[in-house]
Amino acid sequence: MSKLNKYMMVHNTPGVNCDEIQANWRKLAKVEAGTWIRTYFNEEKGIRYCIWLAKNEEILKDIFTEIGISWESIIQVEETVPDLWGEKWEEHLIKEATADTLGN
């Protein structure tokens, strides 16, 4: 199995309808060439930040073009390593676990 890379896709669609997003997720759930990991959303600005796994950027472009979902950018990303944060890492985890948006 070849290595999958992690990508962040930015979708800038102010005023997008929640029903439309749900319908798109149902389509994307059937995709085998890429794997959705998580989405962050700023409702006020209409921007979604989606994390995906795929072999390459072109596969994601093909998936979203075929389904008819627009994107602003696709960027290959890596996670930071907790050890680089030193003592602040535990503080970070506590803040993240108690964030108002957790689970919403």
Protein backbone atom coordinates (compact mmCIF):
# COMPACT_ATOMS: atom_id res chain seq x y z
CA MET A 1 0.00 0.00 0.00
CA SER A 2 1.42 3.38 -0.94
CA LYS A 3 1.76 6.18 1.55
CA LEU A 4 -1.15 8.58 1.93
CA ASN A 5 -0.48 12.27 2.37
CA LYS A 6 -2.54 14.62 4.51
CA TYR A 7 -4.16 17.63 2.83
CA MET A 8 -6.18 20.62 3.99
CA MET A 9 -8.86 21.73 1.55
CA VAL A 10 -10.31 25.20 1.96
CA HIS A 11 -13.87 25.75 0.75
CA ASN A 12 -15.03 29.37 0.67
CA THR A 13 -18.80 29.27 0.15
CA PRO A 14 -20.59 32.03 2.11
CA GLY A 15 -24.30 31.31 2.52
CA VAL A 16 -23.93 27.61 1.74
CA ASN A 17 -26.99 25.63 2.74
CA CYS A 18 -26.53 22.98 5.47
CA ASP A 19 -28.68 20.53 3.48
CA GLU A 20 -26.28 20.92 0.54
CA ILE A 21 -23.28 20.18 2.78
CA GLN A 22 -25.02 17.06 4.16
CA ALA A 23 -25.80 15.86 0.62
CA ASN A 24 -22.16 16.37 -0.38
CA TRP A 25 -20.95 14.41 2.66
CA ARG A 26 -23.18 11.49 1.65
CA LYS A 27 -21.56 11.54 -1.81
CA LEU A 28 -18.06 11.83 -0.35
CA ALA A 29 -18.67 8.89 2.03
CA LYS A 30 -18.72 6.62 -1.04
CA VAL A 31 -15.32 7.82 -2.29
CA GLU A 32 -12.53 5.25 -2.05
CA ALA A 33 -9.61 7.22 -3.55
CA GLY A 34 -9.46 9.65 -0.60
CA THR A 35 -10.41 9.57 3.08
CA TRP A 36 -12.07 12.47 4.88
CA ILE A 37 -10.70 13.00 8.40
CA ARG A 38 -12.32 16.14 9.85
CA THR A 39 -13.85 19.49 9.00
CA TYR A 40 -13.54 22.84 10.75
CA PHE A 41 -16.16 25.46 9.86
CA ASN A 42 -16.52 29.22 10.29
CA GLU A 43 -20.23 29.78 9.73
CA GLU A 44 -19.97 33.58 9.81
CA LYS A 45 -17.49 33.66 6.92
CA GLY A 46 -18.77 30.53 5.17
CA ILE A 47 -15.36 28.86 5.15
CA ARG A 48 -14.72 25.16 5.71
CA TYR A 49 -11.29 23.65 6.37
CA CYS A 50 -11.33 19.93 5.60
CA ILE A 51 -8.59 17.41 6.35
CA TRP A 52 -8.21 14.57 3.83
CA LEU A 53 -5.87 11.64 3.22
CA ALA A 54 -4.98 10.88 -0.40
CA LYS A 55 -2.05 9.69 -2.48
CA ASN A 56 -1.74 13.11 -4.10
CA GLU A 57 -3.44 16.45 -4.65
CA GLU A 58 -4.65 15.50 -8.15
CA ILE A 59 -6.81 12.71 -6.74
CA LEU A 60 -8.61 15.19 -4.48
CA LYS A 61 -9.09 17.61 -7.37
CA ASP A 62 -10.61 14.80 -9.45
CA ILE A 63 -12.95 13.71 -6.63
CA PHE A 64 -14.28 17.20 -5.97
CA THR A 65 -14.53 18.14 -9.66
CA GLU A 66 -16.55 14.98 -10.39
CA ILE A 67 -18.97 15.66 -7.51
CA GLY A 68 -19.17 19.38 -8.35
CA ILE A 69 -17.80 20.79 -5.09
CA SER A 70 -15.65 23.91 -5.39
CA TRP A 71 -12.53 24.61 -3.36
CA GLU A 72 -10.28 27.58 -2.88
CA SER A 73 -7.04 25.74 -2.12
CA ILE A 74 -5.55 22.32 -1.41
CA ILE A 75 -2.42 22.28 0.74
CA GLN A 76 -0.37 19.29 1.84
CA VAL A 77 0.03 19.50 5.63
CA GLU A 78 1.67 17.66 8.51
CA GLU A 79 0.77 17.59 12.17
CA THR A 80 3.08 19.15 14.71
CA VAL A 81 4.88 16.89 17.13
CA PRO A 82 3.80 17.46 20.76
CA ASP A 83 7.41 17.33 22.04
CA LEU A 84 8.13 20.52 20.12
CA TRP A 85 5.59 22.32 22.31
CA GLY A 86 7.39 21.38 25.53
CA GLU A 87 5.46 22.12 28.72
CA LYS A 88 2.73 24.00 26.83
CA TRP A 89 1.43 20.78 25.25
CA GLU A 90 -0.56 19.64 28.32
CA GLU A 91 -2.05 23.14 28.65
CA HIS A 92 -3.03 23.01 24.98
CA LEU A 93 -4.79 19.63 25.37
CA ILE A 94 -6.80 20.91 28.36
CA LYS A 95 -7.92 24.01 26.45
CA GLU A 96 -8.87 21.97 23.40
CA ALA A 97 -10.88 19.48 25.47
CA THR A 98 -12.90 22.26 27.09
CA ALA A 99 -13.45 24.37 23.96
CA ASP A 100 -17.00 25.64 23.45
CA THR A 101 -17.11 24.13 19.96
CA LEU A 102 -16.11 20.62 21.00
CA GLY A 103 -18.60 18.11 19.63
CA ASN A 104 -20.73 20.68 17.82
